[in-house]
Amino acid sequence: MELQILESILLVVLLVAALFIIVAVLLQKSSDDGLSGSITGGSDTFYGKDKASHSDRTLFIFTIIVAIIFVLAVLAVYVIQPDFYATYTLDEWKTNTFNTYQDIFK
């Protein structure tokens, strides 16, 4: 029972981390602005330049931290998941109908 709760918590952590990584990567500024950045100027003023780079660095650091948490959660889910092959053979999987999650891991 405790492993099911832990697995559920880890799956929620995986979902939240994946969504954060997607949003954070989309929010990060591209390092290649091309000609549009040099013609329009963008935020290349003295005060705006440091502000943009600080927020990009902060977002980059948070992305790295959340990516590490994501990898650790994936590894933890892999370690605690039950071994399907140790319980049933392939023929038993084909012939049995399982009604609940607990029926699989008797």
C-alpha atoms as a PDB file:
ATOM      1  CA  MET A   1       0.000   0.000   0.000  1.00  0.00           C
ATOM      2  CA  GLU A   2       2.801   2.424   0.882  1.00  0.00           C
ATOM      3  CA  LEU A   3       4.512   1.782  -2.450  1.00  0.00           C
ATOM      4  CA  GLN A   4       1.340   2.714  -4.321  1.00  0.00           C
ATOM      5  CA  ILE A   5       1.164   6.010  -2.459  1.00  0.00           C
ATOM      6  CA  LEU A   6       4.852   6.678  -3.120  1.00  0.00           C
ATOM      7  CA  GLU A   7       4.394   5.789  -6.787  1.00  0.00           C
ATOM      8  CA  SER A   8       1.433   8.154  -7.054  1.00  0.00           C
ATOM      9  CA  ILE A   9       3.404  10.975  -5.445  1.00  0.00           C
ATOM     10  CA  LEU A  10       6.335  10.359  -7.770  1.00  0.00           C
ATOM     11  CA  LEU A  11       4.053  10.378 -10.810  1.00  0.00           C
ATOM     12  CA  VAL A  12       2.621  13.738  -9.741  1.00  0.00           C
ATOM     13  CA  VAL A  13       6.176  15.060  -9.276  1.00  0.00           C
ATOM     14  CA  LEU A  14       7.034  13.803 -12.770  1.00  0.00           C
ATOM     15  CA  LEU A  15       4.022  15.502 -14.296  1.00  0.00           C
ATOM     16  CA  VAL A  16       4.671  18.838 -12.584  1.00  0.00           C
ATOM     17  CA  ALA A  17       8.383  18.715 -13.418  1.00  0.00           C
ATOM     18  CA  ALA A  18       7.686  17.888 -17.060  1.00  0.00           C
ATOM     19  CA  LEU A  19       5.241  20.774 -17.385  1.00  0.00           C
ATOM     20  CA  PHE A  20       7.697  23.163 -15.712  1.00  0.00           C
ATOM     21  CA  ILE A  21      10.511  22.076 -18.029  1.00  0.00           C
ATOM     22  CA  ILE A  22       8.316  22.599 -21.098  1.00  0.00           C
ATOM     23  CA  VAL A  23       7.220  26.069 -20.004  1.00  0.00           C
ATOM     24  CA  ALA A  24      10.708  27.101 -18.847  1.00  0.00           C
ATOM     25  CA  VAL A  25      12.340  26.074 -22.112  1.00  0.00           C
ATOM     26  CA  LEU A  26       9.701  27.933 -24.101  1.00  0.00           C
ATOM     27  CA  LEU A  27      10.206  31.072 -21.988  1.00  0.00           C
ATOM     28  CA  GLN A  28      13.974  31.160 -22.371  1.00  0.00           C
ATOM     29  CA  LYS A  29      15.301  33.657 -24.856  1.00  0.00           C
ATOM     30  CA  SER A  30      17.112  32.332 -27.889  1.00  0.00           C
ATOM     31  CA  SER A  31      20.808  33.203 -28.055  1.00  0.00           C
ATOM     32  CA  ASP A  32      20.516  33.785 -31.806  1.00  0.00           C
ATOM     33  CA  ASP A  33      18.416  36.886 -32.524  1.00  0.00           C
ATOM     34  CA  GLY A  34      19.711  37.309 -36.061  1.00  0.00           C
ATOM     35  CA  LEU A  35      19.302  40.694 -37.736  1.00  0.00           C
ATOM     36  CA  SER A  36      16.035  41.534 -36.019  1.00  0.00           C
ATOM     37  CA  GLY A  37      17.791  41.970 -32.679  1.00  0.00           C
ATOM     38  CA  SER A  38      20.487  44.268 -34.039  1.00  0.00           C
ATOM     39  CA  ILE A  39      18.119  46.419 -36.117  1.00  0.00           C
ATOM     40  CA  THR A  40      15.412  46.950 -33.527  1.00  0.00           C
ATOM     41  CA  GLY A  41      17.762  47.058 -30.569  1.00  0.00           C
ATOM     42  CA  GLY A  42      15.467  45.024 -28.361  1.00  0.00           C
ATOM     43  CA  SER A  43      16.614  45.201 -24.759  1.00  0.00           C
ATOM     44  CA  ASP A  44      20.234  46.004 -25.569  1.00  0.00           C
ATOM     45  CA  THR A  45      20.239  49.204 -23.584  1.00  0.00           C
ATOM     46  CA  PHE A  46      22.526  49.496 -20.603  1.00  0.00           C
ATOM     47  CA  TYR A  47      19.799  48.842 -18.056  1.00  0.00           C
ATOM     48  CA  GLY A  48      17.672  46.379 -20.014  1.00  0.00           C
ATOM     49  CA  LYS A  49      20.545  44.126 -21.053  1.00  0.00           C
ATOM     50  CA  ASP A  50      21.477  43.026 -17.534  1.00  0.00           C
ATOM     51  CA  LYS A  51      17.855  42.590 -16.520  1.00  0.00           C
ATOM     52  CA  ALA A  52      17.127  40.165 -19.366  1.00  0.00           C
ATOM     53  CA  SER A  53      20.290  38.157 -18.818  1.00  0.00           C
ATOM     54  CA  HIS A  54      19.596  37.858 -15.074  1.00  0.00           C
ATOM     55  CA  SER A  55      16.104  36.457 -15.638  1.00  0.00           C
ATOM     56  CA  ASP A  56      17.434  34.088 -18.312  1.00  0.00           C
ATOM     57  CA  ARG A  57      20.155  32.835 -15.962  1.00  0.00           C
ATOM     58  CA  THR A  58      17.646  32.320 -13.165  1.00  0.00           C
ATOM     59  CA  LEU A  59      15.295  30.449 -15.470  1.00  0.00           C
ATOM     60  CA  PHE A  60      18.194  28.341 -16.772  1.00  0.00           C
ATOM     61  CA  ILE A  61      19.268  27.390 -13.220  1.00  0.00           C
ATOM     62  CA  PHE A  62      15.696  26.456 -12.256  1.00  0.00           C
ATOM     63  CA  THR A  63      15.405  24.389 -15.422  1.00  0.00           C
ATOM     64  CA  ILE A  64      18.575  22.459 -14.543  1.00  0.00           C
ATOM     65  CA  ILE A  65      17.373  21.831 -10.975  1.00  0.00           C
ATOM     66  CA  VAL A  66      13.927  20.638 -12.114  1.00  0.00           C
ATOM     67  CA  ALA A  67      15.520  18.439 -14.800  1.00  0.00           C
ATOM     68  CA  ILE A  68      17.651  16.745 -12.122  1.00  0.00           C
ATOM     69  CA  ILE A  69      14.543  16.226  -9.968  1.00  0.00           C
ATOM     70  CA  PHE A  70      12.759  14.784 -13.028  1.00  0.00           C
ATOM     71  CA  VAL A  71      15.570  12.297 -13.719  1.00  0.00           C
ATOM     72  CA  LEU A  72      15.720  11.217 -10.063  1.00  0.00           C
ATOM     73  CA  ALA A  73      11.935  10.714  -9.982  1.00  0.00           C
ATOM     74  CA  VAL A  74      12.063   8.623 -13.164  1.00  0.00           C
ATOM     75  CA  LEU A  75      14.785   6.450 -11.656  1.00  0.00           C
ATOM     76  CA  ALA A  76      12.825   6.081  -8.405  1.00  0.00           C
ATOM     77  CA  VAL A  77       9.663   5.021 -10.265  1.00  0.00           C
ATOM     78  CA  TYR A  78      11.706   2.518 -12.253  1.00  0.00           C
ATOM     79  CA  VAL A  79      13.206   1.032  -9.079  1.00  0.00           C
ATOM     80  CA  ILE A  80       9.940   0.699  -7.138  1.00  0.00           C
ATOM     81  CA  GLN A  81       7.776  -0.605  -9.962  1.00  0.00           C
ATOM     82  CA  PRO A  82       6.911  -4.290  -9.730  1.00  0.00           C
ATOM     83  CA  ASP A  83       8.500  -6.811 -12.041  1.00  0.00           C
ATOM     84  CA  PHE A  84       5.842  -8.066 -14.455  1.00  0.00           C
ATOM     85  CA  TYR A  85       7.948 -10.901 -15.824  1.00  0.00           C
ATOM     86  CA  ALA A  86       8.651 -12.442 -12.421  1.00  0.00           C
ATOM     87  CA  THR A  87       4.931 -12.822 -11.681  1.00  0.00           C
ATOM     88  CA  TYR A  88       3.445 -14.269 -14.880  1.00  0.00           C
ATOM     89  CA  THR A  89       4.651 -15.817 -18.097  1.00  0.00           C
ATOM     90  CA  LEU A  90       3.605 -14.456 -21.472  1.00  0.00           C
ATOM     91  CA  ASP A  91       1.046 -17.241 -21.943  1.00  0.00           C
ATOM     92  CA  GLU A  92      -0.573 -16.431 -18.592  1.00  0.00           C
ATOM     93  CA  TRP A  93      -0.817 -12.770 -19.622  1.00  0.00           C
ATOM     94  CA  LYS A  94      -2.670 -13.790 -22.777  1.00  0.00           C
ATOM     95  CA  THR A  95      -5.127 -16.155 -21.081  1.00  0.00           C
ATOM     96  CA  ASN A  96      -5.893 -14.299 -17.820  1.00  0.00           C
ATOM     97  CA  THR A  97      -8.178 -11.325 -17.544  1.00  0.00           C
ATOM     98  CA  PHE A  98      -7.144  -8.987 -14.771  1.00  0.00           C
ATOM     99  CA  ASN A  99      -9.856  -6.934 -13.106  1.00  0.00           C
ATOM    100  CA  THR A 100      -7.758  -4.833 -10.788  1.00  0.00           C
ATOM    101  CA  TYR A 101      -4.198  -3.707 -10.343  1.00  0.00           C
ATOM    102  CA  GLN A 102      -3.843  -6.009  -7.324  1.00  0.00           C
ATOM    103  CA  ASP A 103      -4.833  -9.069  -9.391  1.00  0.00           C
ATOM    104  CA  ILE A 104      -1.695  -8.683 -11.442  1.00  0.00           C
ATOM    105  CA  PHE A 105       0.660  -8.776  -8.440  1.00  0.00           C
ATOM    106  CA  LYS A 106      -0.711 -11.586  -6.290  1.00  0.00           C
END
